[in-house]
Amino acid sequence: MAASEVDANDRPDEEATSDAASSSPSEEETADAAGAAWPRLQRKVLRRAIRHLPRSGNREAASTIDPPPRQTGGYTRWLPVLRALPWALGALFAVSFAWDFPGVTVTVAGYTVALENLLRFTAVSGLVGFGTNWLAITMLFRPREARPLVGQGLVPAQRERVAYRLAEAVSDELINKTIIKEKIRESGLVAQYRDRLVAAAGEVATDDAVRTEIKTLLCQILRDILSTPSVQKRIVTLTAQQVEAHASDGLSGLALRAYRFFGEEDFRARLHETVRRLPKAIDPLVEEIDPVLDRLPAELERRSDEIEALLMQLILRLVDALDVDRMIYENVRAYDERQLEMLLRRTTNEQLNYIKYLGAVLGIVGGFIIWAPAASLVVFTTFGLAIYALDEILYRSRTDPAPSS
């Protein structure tokens, strides 16, 4: 009797399996159908939702910062003259070997000044002033690679430390996790995007074309699942187990057990036939999704605060997951010696050139002091104090508020 029951239980499964396999679509057909349905649904959803999302081009244009104009002082007008000064000093130094005011004197206010060696003193002092400043500025960046005798420039030699200090300053003062979180909260972007997402979801959920595609895709997925022989077999087995477990002890339960005892094969065959017809009976069930989609916009609006809190929490967790300090350090550290030099020179090159050529001017002043100490000190001290006083007067006249009438 047990053997006959086993045969009776197995045969319907095999028959139903073969029937389902013959009626179900192949895996390639299923993949093709699902692959075609998804892109259609995506296009329709994006077409409706994109109306509520900001355009990236407009945001990029709005967030673009125009570079500030270069602040140039009055010294920039003198740079072309200062650039020619070292060449002029070199020429004067060469001339001094042939002629340097030999025996020439000048009397000023009863004070006789000998001009001999004036060219050499001023030319040499000016060239020394220019040369020392040029060497100091050059040694900041050159040589880029360590050399056996002359060593390496200060910035290339300390590249790792410069990168670390620069990254530390940026991460401490300009951009870090705390600043990013504060800007996110202050900007109100989360609330703005929440409203946009709620509006987009509402329009998508109420669009008839999108609903049609959702139902089509859902029907296709359910048919594919319910047409699979292994799934049908599990449904039959589970249904039989549930019927047996929930059969009552009364007359109906006794009748069911008697029916299964004498007609198990028929019972299994009917279950298999019913399950085999399930893929064709899901269309009315899928239509029940309409009330759910109708309630979706109102439900999203009602839970908008929860959605905003969830978005904020996700964004803040993403910020916490980012190692901003290390990102800044690694990006700065990736600069090689040449890039680091260009980074510093890009904003300071004009000032460095001014300092370099100003050394020649100060050297000339030193040459005059060596040539005629007393007179030069009086002249240059008076000239320096006059320049300082005039600059102070002009500065105060520009910064002091105008008297009210």
Protein backbone atom coordinates (compact mmCIF):
# COMPACT_ATOMS: atom_id res chain seq x y z
CA MET A 1 0.00 0.00 0.00
CA ALA A 2 2.85 2.38 0.85
CA ALA A 3 4.55 1.66 -2.44
CA SER A 4 1.38 2.39 -4.36
CA GLU A 5 1.00 5.68 -2.49
CA VAL A 6 4.55 6.66 -3.35
CA ASP A 7 3.93 5.87 -7.00
CA ALA A 8 0.68 7.76 -6.90
CA ASN A 9 2.36 10.75 -5.28
CA ASP A 10 5.27 10.83 -7.68
CA ARG A 11 3.51 10.31 -10.98
CA PRO A 12 1.34 13.45 -10.82
CA ASP A 13 4.42 15.51 -9.95
CA GLU A 14 6.24 14.21 -12.98
CA GLU A 15 3.24 14.70 -15.26
CA ALA A 16 2.57 18.20 -13.95
CA THR A 17 6.23 19.02 -14.23
CA SER A 18 6.33 17.93 -17.84
CA ASP A 19 3.12 19.84 -18.58
CA ALA A 20 4.44 22.97 -16.88
CA ALA A 21 7.73 22.68 -18.68
CA SER A 22 5.97 22.39 -22.01
CA SER A 23 3.67 25.36 -21.28
CA SER A 24 6.23 27.62 -19.55
CA PRO A 25 8.49 29.92 -21.58
CA SER A 26 12.13 29.08 -22.01
CA GLU A 27 14.80 30.83 -19.93
CA GLU A 28 15.96 32.81 -22.95
CA GLU A 29 12.42 34.02 -23.69
CA THR A 30 11.96 34.96 -20.03
CA ALA A 31 15.23 36.88 -19.94
CA ASP A 32 14.39 38.67 -23.19
CA ALA A 33 10.94 39.66 -21.95
CA ALA A 34 12.22 40.91 -18.60
CA GLY A 35 15.14 42.66 -20.27
CA ALA A 36 12.79 44.53 -22.59
CA ALA A 37 10.32 45.45 -19.83
CA TRP A 38 12.83 47.01 -17.46
CA PRO A 39 14.24 49.62 -19.91
CA ARG A 40 10.73 50.67 -20.92
CA LEU A 41 9.74 51.17 -17.29
CA GLN A 42 12.95 53.05 -16.53
CA ARG A 43 12.43 55.41 -19.47
CA LYS A 44 8.86 56.18 -18.46
CA VAL A 45 9.77 56.72 -14.79
CA LEU A 46 12.71 58.98 -15.64
CA ARG A 47 10.62 60.94 -18.14
CA ARG A 48 8.13 61.82 -15.38
CA ALA A 49 10.53 62.18 -12.47
CA ILE A 50 13.14 64.30 -14.21
CA ARG A 51 10.75 67.25 -14.36
CA HIS A 52 11.05 67.62 -10.60
CA LEU A 53 14.83 67.23 -10.37
CA PRO A 54 17.21 70.17 -10.83
CA ARG A 55 19.25 70.20 -13.97
CA SER A 56 22.90 69.52 -13.30
CA GLY A 57 24.02 72.10 -15.85
CA ASN A 58 22.10 74.90 -14.14
CA ARG A 59 23.46 73.94 -10.73
CA GLU A 60 27.01 73.81 -12.03
CA ALA A 61 26.60 77.22 -13.66
CA ALA A 62 25.10 78.66 -10.49
CA SER A 63 27.84 77.21 -8.28
CA THR A 64 30.73 78.35 -10.48
CA ILE A 65 32.88 80.90 -8.68
CA ASP A 66 34.57 83.53 -10.79
CA PRO A 67 38.24 83.93 -9.87
CA PRO A 68 38.91 87.22 -8.09
CA PRO A 69 40.96 89.77 -10.01
CA ARG A 70 44.67 89.75 -9.32
CA GLN A 71 45.56 92.36 -6.73
CA THR A 72 48.52 94.23 -8.14
CA GLY A 73 50.32 96.90 -6.21
CA GLY A 74 52.13 99.92 -7.55
CA TYR A 75 55.35 97.93 -7.59
CA THR A 76 54.16 95.99 -10.63
CA ARG A 77 54.72 99.09 -12.74
CA TRP A 78 58.37 99.03 -11.73
CA LEU A 79 59.00 95.36 -12.48
CA PRO A 80 60.04 95.93 -16.13
CA VAL A 81 62.60 98.50 -14.94
CA LEU A 82 63.78 96.28 -12.10
CA ARG A 83 64.26 93.34 -14.48
CA ALA A 84 66.72 95.42 -16.50
CA LEU A 85 68.60 96.57 -13.40
CA PRO A 86 70.87 93.49 -12.96
CA TRP A 87 71.97 93.76 -16.59
CA ALA A 88 72.71 97.45 -16.16
CA LEU A 89 74.71 96.73 -13.00
CA GLY A 90 76.69 94.06 -14.81
CA ALA A 91 77.49 96.52 -17.58
CA LEU A 92 78.55 99.19 -15.07
CA PHE A 93 80.78 96.68 -13.29
CA ALA A 94 82.48 95.88 -16.59
CA VAL A 95 82.89 99.59 -17.37
CA SER A 96 84.43 100.20 -13.94
CA PHE A 97 87.51 98.23 -14.96
CA ALA A 98 88.18 100.74 -17.74
CA TRP A 99 86.92 103.94 -16.16
CA ASP A 100 85.55 104.69 -12.70
CA PHE A 101 85.67 108.46 -12.18
CA PRO A 102 89.47 108.57 -11.69
CA GLY A 103 90.38 111.67 -9.65
CA VAL A 104 86.91 113.20 -10.08
CA THR A 105 85.51 115.10 -7.09
CA VAL A 106 82.25 116.93 -6.45
CA THR A 107 81.69 119.69 -3.91
CA VAL A 108 78.23 119.85 -2.34
CA ALA A 109 77.46 122.45 0.35
CA GLY A 110 81.15 122.89 1.03
CA TYR A 111 81.69 119.14 1.36
CA THR A 112 83.99 117.54 -1.20
CA VAL A 113 83.09 114.04 -2.35
CA ALA A 114 85.47 111.88 -4.37
CA LEU A 115 83.61 109.92 -7.09
CA GLU A 116 86.41 107.46 -7.74
CA ASN A 117 85.31 103.77 -7.47
CA LEU A 118 81.62 104.82 -7.31
CA LEU A 119 80.64 102.57 -10.22
CA ARG A 120 82.37 99.52 -8.78
CA PHE A 121 80.97 99.95 -5.27
CA THR A 122 77.39 100.41 -6.40
CA ALA A 123 77.53 97.78 -9.16
CA VAL A 124 79.08 95.10 -6.96
CA SER A 125 76.75 95.81 -4.03
CA GLY A 126 73.71 95.80 -6.31
CA LEU A 127 74.76 92.54 -7.95
CA VAL A 128 75.40 90.97 -4.54
CA GLY A 129 71.96 92.05 -3.31
CA PHE A 130 70.27 90.70 -6.42
CA GLY A 131 72.35 87.51 -6.40
CA THR A 132 71.64 86.66 -2.77
CA ASN A 133 67.88 87.16 -3.19
CA TRP A 134 67.88 85.19 -6.45
CA LEU A 135 69.81 82.37 -4.82
CA ALA A 136 67.54 82.30 -1.76
CA ILE A 137 64.35 82.17 -3.86
CA THR A 138 65.81 79.63 -6.27
CA MET A 139 66.90 77.39 -3.40
CA LEU A 140 63.29 77.24 -2.23
CA PHE A 141 62.43 75.10 -5.28
CA ARG A 142 65.65 73.95 -6.94
CA PRO A 143 67.20 71.48 -7.36
CA ARG A 144 64.05 69.38 -7.48
CA GLU A 145 66.04 66.19 -6.97
CA ALA A 146 68.76 65.67 -4.37
CA ARG A 147 72.25 66.34 -5.74
CA PRO A 148 75.51 65.00 -4.25
CA LEU A 149 77.05 68.41 -3.50
CA VAL A 150 74.41 71.15 -3.70
CA GLY A 151 71.66 69.14 -2.03
CA GLN A 152 67.98 69.72 -2.77
CA GLY A 153 65.61 72.68 -2.72
CA LEU A 154 63.78 73.41 0.52
CA VAL A 155 60.26 72.71 -0.79
CA PRO A 156 61.15 69.48 -2.69
CA ALA A 157 63.19 68.22 0.27
CA GLN A 158 60.28 68.84 2.63
CA ARG A 159 57.57 67.81 0.17
CA GLU A 160 56.00 65.27 2.51
CA ARG A 161 55.95 67.73 5.40
CA VAL A 162 54.70 70.58 3.21
CA ALA A 163 51.92 68.33 1.92
CA TYR A 164 51.03 67.26 5.45
CA ARG A 165 50.96 70.82 6.81
CA LEU A 166 49.00 72.09 3.83
CA ALA A 167 46.47 69.26 4.12
CA GLU A 168 46.26 69.81 7.88
CA ALA A 169 45.54 73.50 7.41
CA VAL A 170 42.88 72.78 4.78
CA SER A 171 41.18 70.05 6.82
CA ASP A 172 41.30 72.07 10.06
CA GLU A 173 40.08 75.39 8.73
CA LEU A 174 38.50 74.95 5.29
CA ILE A 175 36.87 71.56 4.79
CA ASN A 176 36.22 68.71 7.20
CA LYS A 177 33.37 66.47 8.33
CA THR A 178 31.98 69.00 10.80
CA ILE A 179 31.95 71.81 8.24
CA ILE A 180 30.36 69.56 5.61
CA LYS A 181 27.60 68.52 8.01
CA GLU A 182 26.93 72.12 9.02
CA LYS A 183 26.73 73.22 5.39
CA ILE A 184 24.34 70.37 4.57
CA ARG A 185 22.05 71.36 7.44
CA GLU A 186 22.24 75.08 6.67
CA SER A 187 21.71 74.68 2.93
CA GLY A 188 18.26 73.09 3.25
CA LEU A 189 19.09 70.84 0.30
CA VAL A 190 17.77 67.75 2.08
CA ALA A 191 14.32 69.29 2.55
CA GLN A 192 14.39 70.61 -1.00
CA TYR A 193 15.24 67.23 -2.47
CA ARG A 194 12.73 65.54 -0.20
CA ASP A 195 9.97 67.71 -1.67
CA ARG A 196 11.23 67.00 -5.17
CA LEU A 197 11.38 63.26 -4.54
CA VAL A 198 7.89 63.20 -3.04
CA ALA A 199 6.51 65.18 -5.98
CA ALA A 200 8.33 62.97 -8.49
CA ALA A 201 7.13 59.78 -6.80
CA GLY A 202 3.57 61.10 -6.75
CA GLU A 203 3.60 61.91 -10.45
CA VAL A 204 5.18 58.57 -11.31
CA ALA A 205 2.65 56.65 -9.21
CA THR A 206 -0.35 58.39 -10.80
CA ASP A 207 0.84 58.17 -14.41
CA ASP A 208 -1.22 55.68 -16.42
CA ALA A 209 1.63 54.71 -18.73
CA VAL A 210 3.90 53.96 -15.78
CA ARG A 211 1.18 51.95 -14.09
CA THR A 212 0.67 49.92 -17.23
CA GLU A 213 4.37 49.14 -17.45
CA ILE A 214 4.50 48.24 -13.74
CA LYS A 215 1.59 45.84 -14.14
CA THR A 216 3.08 44.36 -17.29
CA LEU A 217 6.44 43.83 -15.64
CA LEU A 218 4.86 42.47 -12.46
CA CYS A 219 2.72 40.03 -14.46
CA GLN A 220 5.75 38.91 -16.41
CA ILE A 221 7.77 38.32 -13.25
CA LEU A 222 4.96 36.44 -11.51
CA ARG A 223 4.29 34.31 -14.59
CA ASP A 224 7.97 33.49 -14.87
CA ILE A 225 8.13 32.48 -11.22
CA LEU A 226 4.88 30.50 -11.16
CA SER A 227 5.72 28.75 -14.43
CA THR A 228 8.93 27.31 -13.04
CA PRO A 229 8.50 23.54 -12.44
CA SER A 230 10.42 23.57 -9.17
CA VAL A 231 8.26 26.41 -7.82
CA GLN A 232 5.07 24.65 -8.87
CA LYS A 233 6.22 21.47 -7.16
CA ARG A 234 6.94 23.35 -3.92
CA ILE A 235 3.51 25.03 -4.06
CA VAL A 236 1.79 21.66 -4.50
CA THR A 237 3.74 20.14 -1.62
CA LEU A 238 3.11 23.11 0.67
CA THR A 239 -0.60 23.18 -0.20
CA ALA A 240 -0.98 19.48 0.54
CA GLN A 241 0.81 19.90 3.86
CA GLN A 242 -1.34 22.87 4.86
CA VAL A 243 -4.56 21.05 3.90
CA GLU A 244 -3.51 18.08 6.01
CA ALA A 245 -2.45 20.29 8.93
CA HIS A 246 -5.69 22.30 8.99
CA ALA A 247 -8.07 19.43 8.41
CA SER A 248 -10.50 19.28 11.33
CA ASP A 249 -11.23 16.21 13.39
CA GLY A 250 -14.91 16.32 12.47
CA LEU A 251 -16.84 14.82 9.61
CA SER A 252 -15.26 17.10 6.97
CA GLY A 253 -11.77 16.19 8.10
CA LEU A 254 -12.63 12.52 8.09
CA ALA A 255 -14.07 12.84 4.58
CA LEU A 256 -10.91 14.61 3.35
CA ARG A 257 -8.66 11.94 4.80
CA ALA A 258 -10.80 9.21 3.29
CA TYR A 259 -10.72 10.94 -0.08
CA ARG A 260 -6.95 11.27 0.03
CA PHE A 261 -6.56 7.67 1.18
CA PHE A 262 -8.52 6.28 -1.73
CA GLY A 263 -7.83 9.06 -4.31
CA GLU A 264 -4.43 10.55 -3.53
CA GLU A 265 -3.48 10.44 -7.19
CA ASP A 266 -6.59 12.38 -8.19
CA PHE A 267 -6.00 14.84 -5.32
CA ARG A 268 -2.43 15.51 -6.45
CA ALA A 269 -3.46 15.78 -10.07
CA ARG A 270 -6.08 18.40 -9.23
CA LEU A 271 -3.54 20.38 -7.18
CA HIS A 272 -1.04 20.27 -10.03
CA GLU A 273 -3.64 21.36 -12.54
CA THR A 274 -4.70 24.26 -10.33
CA VAL A 275 -1.11 25.39 -9.77
CA ARG A 276 -0.37 25.04 -13.47
CA ARG A 277 -3.18 27.49 -14.21
CA LEU A 278 -1.93 30.07 -11.70
CA PRO A 279 0.23 32.04 -14.21
CA LYS A 280 -2.89 32.68 -16.31
CA ALA A 281 -4.93 33.82 -13.31
CA ILE A 282 -2.69 36.57 -11.93
CA ASP A 283 -3.95 39.44 -14.11
CA PRO A 284 -6.94 40.24 -11.85
CA LEU A 285 -4.64 40.10 -8.83
CA VAL A 286 -2.19 42.57 -10.37
CA GLU A 287 -5.03 45.03 -10.92
CA GLU A 288 -5.29 45.30 -7.13
CA ILE A 289 -2.10 47.36 -7.18
CA ASP A 290 -4.06 50.44 -8.34
CA PRO A 291 -5.46 51.30 -4.88
CA VAL A 292 -1.95 51.00 -3.44
CA LEU A 293 -0.54 53.37 -6.06
CA ASP A 294 -3.47 55.76 -5.49
CA ARG A 295 -2.61 56.00 -1.80
CA LEU A 296 1.14 56.34 -2.38
CA PRO A 297 1.38 60.16 -2.95
CA ALA A 298 -0.68 60.97 0.16
CA GLU A 299 1.28 58.45 2.20
CA LEU A 300 4.59 59.91 1.05
CA GLU A 301 3.39 63.43 1.85
CA ARG A 302 2.25 62.32 5.29
CA ARG A 303 5.63 60.78 6.00
CA SER A 304 7.67 63.59 4.43
CA ASP A 305 9.31 64.49 7.75
CA GLU A 306 10.36 60.88 8.26
CA ILE A 307 11.72 60.78 4.71
CA GLU A 308 13.72 63.95 5.32
CA ALA A 309 15.12 62.56 8.57
CA LEU A 310 16.05 59.33 6.81
CA LEU A 311 17.76 61.19 3.95
CA MET A 312 19.66 63.38 6.40
CA GLN A 313 20.75 60.35 8.39
CA LEU A 314 21.95 58.54 5.27
CA ILE A 315 23.88 61.58 4.03
CA LEU A 316 25.51 62.21 7.40
CA ARG A 317 26.50 58.57 7.66
CA LEU A 318 28.02 58.81 4.20
CA VAL A 319 30.00 61.87 5.30
CA ASP A 320 31.16 60.00 8.41
CA ALA A 321 32.28 57.11 6.24
CA LEU A 322 34.48 59.43 4.17
CA ASP A 323 37.97 60.05 5.50
CA VAL A 324 38.14 63.67 4.39
CA ASP A 325 41.48 64.37 6.07
CA ARG A 326 43.18 61.45 4.34
CA MET A 327 41.59 62.35 1.00
CA ILE A 328 43.01 65.87 1.21
CA TYR A 329 46.42 64.63 2.33
CA GLU A 330 46.67 61.99 -0.38
CA ASN A 331 45.62 64.46 -3.09
CA VAL A 332 48.20 67.02 -1.96
CA ARG A 333 50.82 64.32 -1.46
CA ALA A 334 50.25 63.15 -5.04
CA TYR A 335 51.76 66.44 -6.25
CA ASP A 336 55.31 65.93 -7.45
CA GLU A 337 58.06 68.49 -6.91
CA ARG A 338 57.26 70.40 -10.09
CA GLN A 339 53.51 70.55 -9.40
CA LEU A 340 54.11 71.71 -5.84
CA GLU A 341 56.45 74.42 -7.09
CA MET A 342 53.87 75.59 -9.64
CA LEU A 343 51.18 75.58 -6.95
CA LEU A 344 53.20 77.99 -4.83
CA ARG A 345 54.49 80.07 -7.71
CA ARG A 346 51.06 80.48 -9.26
CA THR A 347 50.02 82.89 -6.52
CA THR A 348 53.36 84.32 -5.37
CA ASN A 349 55.58 84.45 -8.45
CA GLU A 350 55.08 88.18 -9.01
CA GLN A 351 55.90 88.98 -5.39
CA LEU A 352 58.94 86.70 -5.45
CA ASN A 353 60.26 88.44 -8.55
CA TYR A 354 59.77 91.81 -6.90
CA ILE A 355 61.72 90.67 -3.84
CA LYS A 356 64.45 89.26 -6.06
CA TYR A 357 64.97 92.46 -8.06
CA LEU A 358 64.49 94.68 -5.02
CA GLY A 359 67.65 93.09 -3.65
CA ALA A 360 69.58 94.86 -6.40
CA VAL A 361 68.14 98.23 -5.36
CA LEU A 362 69.00 97.64 -1.71
CA GLY A 363 72.46 96.51 -2.77
CA ILE A 364 72.99 99.79 -4.62
CA VAL A 365 71.98 101.65 -1.46
CA GLY A 366 74.53 99.60 0.46
CA GLY A 367 77.16 100.45 -2.16
CA PHE A 368 76.53 104.16 -1.72
CA ILE A 369 76.88 103.77 2.06
CA ILE A 370 80.20 101.95 1.62
CA TRP A 371 81.39 104.61 -0.82
CA ALA A 372 80.36 107.66 1.27
CA PRO A 373 79.03 106.55 4.67
CA ALA A 374 78.12 109.87 6.31
CA ALA A 375 76.51 111.59 3.36
CA SER A 376 74.71 108.45 2.18
CA LEU A 377 73.24 107.74 5.62
CA VAL A 378 71.91 111.30 5.88
CA VAL A 379 70.42 111.24 2.39
CA PHE A 380 68.85 107.79 2.58
CA THR A 381 67.56 108.25 6.13
CA THR A 382 65.90 111.53 5.18
CA PHE A 383 64.47 110.01 2.02
CA GLY A 384 63.16 106.94 3.87
CA LEU A 385 61.47 109.00 6.59
CA ALA A 386 59.87 111.24 3.98
CA ILE A 387 58.48 108.23 2.09
CA TYR A 388 57.14 106.71 5.32
CA ALA A 389 55.48 109.97 6.40
CA LEU A 390 53.85 110.48 3.00
CA ASP A 391 52.59 106.89 2.95
CA GLU A 392 51.11 107.26 6.45
CA ILE A 393 49.33 110.49 5.51
CA LEU A 394 47.82 108.95 2.38
CA TYR A 395 46.77 105.82 4.27
CA ARG A 396 45.01 107.74 7.03
CA SER A 397 43.28 110.05 4.58
CA ARG A 398 41.87 106.99 2.82
CA THR A 399 40.78 105.07 5.94
CA ASP A 400 39.52 107.89 8.21
CA PRO A 401 35.75 108.51 7.87
CA ALA A 402 34.76 111.76 6.22
CA PRO A 403 33.44 114.40 8.66
CA SER A 404 29.67 114.68 8.67
CA SER A 405 28.22 117.97 7.53
